[in-house]
Amino acid sequence: MNYVLALFLPPLSILLNGRVILSIIVFLIWVPAIIFSGGLTHPMFIALAWLLICIRPL
């Protein structure tokens, strides 16, 4: 389910993965990137969220 959430809202997916500070940083970069690039940078954030889901903190 978290992988599907990463497709649409990568910062929320990262937050639910337990990385609060990284989630805030990604959100602050993600929103302007979506607005100014028209969604071209969205796949980069999806890849980041999937990577962080796969590599969970110990």
C-alpha atoms as a PDB file:
ATOM      1  CA  MET A   1       0.000   0.000   0.000  1.00  0.00           C
ATOM      2  CA  ASN A   2       2.879   2.341   0.771  1.00  0.00           C
ATOM      3  CA  TYR A   3       4.230   1.870  -2.765  1.00  0.00           C
ATOM      4  CA  VAL A   4       0.931   3.074  -4.237  1.00  0.00           C
ATOM      5  CA  LEU A   5       0.957   6.061  -1.901  1.00  0.00           C
ATOM      6  CA  ALA A   6       4.501   6.836  -3.079  1.00  0.00           C
ATOM      7  CA  LEU A   7       3.166   7.209  -6.625  1.00  0.00           C
ATOM      8  CA  PHE A   8       0.806  10.033  -5.709  1.00  0.00           C
ATOM      9  CA  LEU A   9       2.207  11.631  -2.526  1.00  0.00           C
ATOM     10  CA  PRO A  10       5.894  10.792  -2.041  1.00  0.00           C
ATOM     11  CA  PRO A  11       6.378  13.061   1.023  1.00  0.00           C
ATOM     12  CA  LEU A  12       3.490  11.369   2.856  1.00  0.00           C
ATOM     13  CA  SER A  13       4.865   7.960   1.988  1.00  0.00           C
ATOM     14  CA  ILE A  14       8.254   8.938   3.389  1.00  0.00           C
ATOM     15  CA  LEU A  15       6.571  10.272   6.527  1.00  0.00           C
ATOM     16  CA  LEU A  16       4.700   7.012   7.072  1.00  0.00           C
ATOM     17  CA  ASN A  17       7.997   5.198   6.668  1.00  0.00           C
ATOM     18  CA  GLY A  18       9.225   6.942   9.817  1.00  0.00           C
ATOM     19  CA  ARG A  19      11.537   9.594   8.401  1.00  0.00           C
ATOM     20  CA  VAL A  20       9.950  12.814   9.597  1.00  0.00           C
ATOM     21  CA  ILE A  21      12.708  15.331   8.899  1.00  0.00           C
ATOM     22  CA  LEU A  22      13.402  13.940   5.427  1.00  0.00           C
ATOM     23  CA  SER A  23       9.680  14.018   4.717  1.00  0.00           C
ATOM     24  CA  ILE A  24       9.500  17.721   5.564  1.00  0.00           C
ATOM     25  CA  ILE A  25      12.538  18.495   3.408  1.00  0.00           C
ATOM     26  CA  VAL A  26      11.136  16.515   0.469  1.00  0.00           C
ATOM     27  CA  PHE A  27       7.766  18.242   0.833  1.00  0.00           C
ATOM     28  CA  LEU A  28       9.384  21.683   0.775  1.00  0.00           C
ATOM     29  CA  ILE A  29      11.221  20.774  -2.428  1.00  0.00           C
ATOM     30  CA  TRP A  30       8.414  18.688  -3.995  1.00  0.00           C
ATOM     31  CA  VAL A  31       5.653  21.321  -3.991  1.00  0.00           C
ATOM     32  CA  PRO A  32       7.597  24.035  -5.855  1.00  0.00           C
ATOM     33  CA  ALA A  33       9.077  21.420  -8.202  1.00  0.00           C
ATOM     34  CA  ILE A  34       5.589  20.196  -9.137  1.00  0.00           C
ATOM     35  CA  ILE A  35       4.320  23.763  -9.626  1.00  0.00           C
ATOM     36  CA  PHE A  36       7.247  25.130 -11.640  1.00  0.00           C
ATOM     37  CA  SER A  37       8.190  22.069 -13.709  1.00  0.00           C
ATOM     38  CA  GLY A  38       4.673  20.879 -14.407  1.00  0.00           C
ATOM     39  CA  GLY A  39       5.308  17.465 -12.885  1.00  0.00           C
ATOM     40  CA  LEU A  40       8.520  16.615 -14.727  1.00  0.00           C
ATOM     41  CA  THR A  41      10.432  16.032 -11.473  1.00  0.00           C
ATOM     42  CA  HIS A  42       7.732  13.838  -9.933  1.00  0.00           C
ATOM     43  CA  PRO A  43       9.348  10.517 -11.024  1.00  0.00           C
ATOM     44  CA  MET A  44      12.515  11.492  -9.146  1.00  0.00           C
ATOM     45  CA  PHE A  45      10.544  11.803  -5.901  1.00  0.00           C
ATOM     46  CA  ILE A  46       8.724   8.522  -6.565  1.00  0.00           C
ATOM     47  CA  ALA A  47      12.100   6.784  -6.983  1.00  0.00           C
ATOM     48  CA  LEU A  48      13.348   8.369  -3.743  1.00  0.00           C
ATOM     49  CA  ALA A  49      10.257   7.249  -1.823  1.00  0.00           C
ATOM     50  CA  TRP A  50      10.481   3.688  -3.190  1.00  0.00           C
ATOM     51  CA  LEU A  51      14.180   3.544  -2.308  1.00  0.00           C
ATOM     52  CA  LEU A  52      13.466   4.677   1.236  1.00  0.00           C
ATOM     53  CA  ILE A  53      10.648   2.143   1.582  1.00  0.00           C
ATOM     54  CA  CYS A  54      12.937  -0.678   0.450  1.00  0.00           C
ATOM     55  CA  ILE A  55      15.807   0.375   2.726  1.00  0.00           C
ATOM     56  CA  ARG A  56      14.143   0.678   6.106  1.00  0.00           C
ATOM     57  CA  PRO A  57      16.012   2.081   9.111  1.00  0.00           C
ATOM     58  CA  LEU A  58      17.107  -0.471  11.686  1.00  0.00           C
END
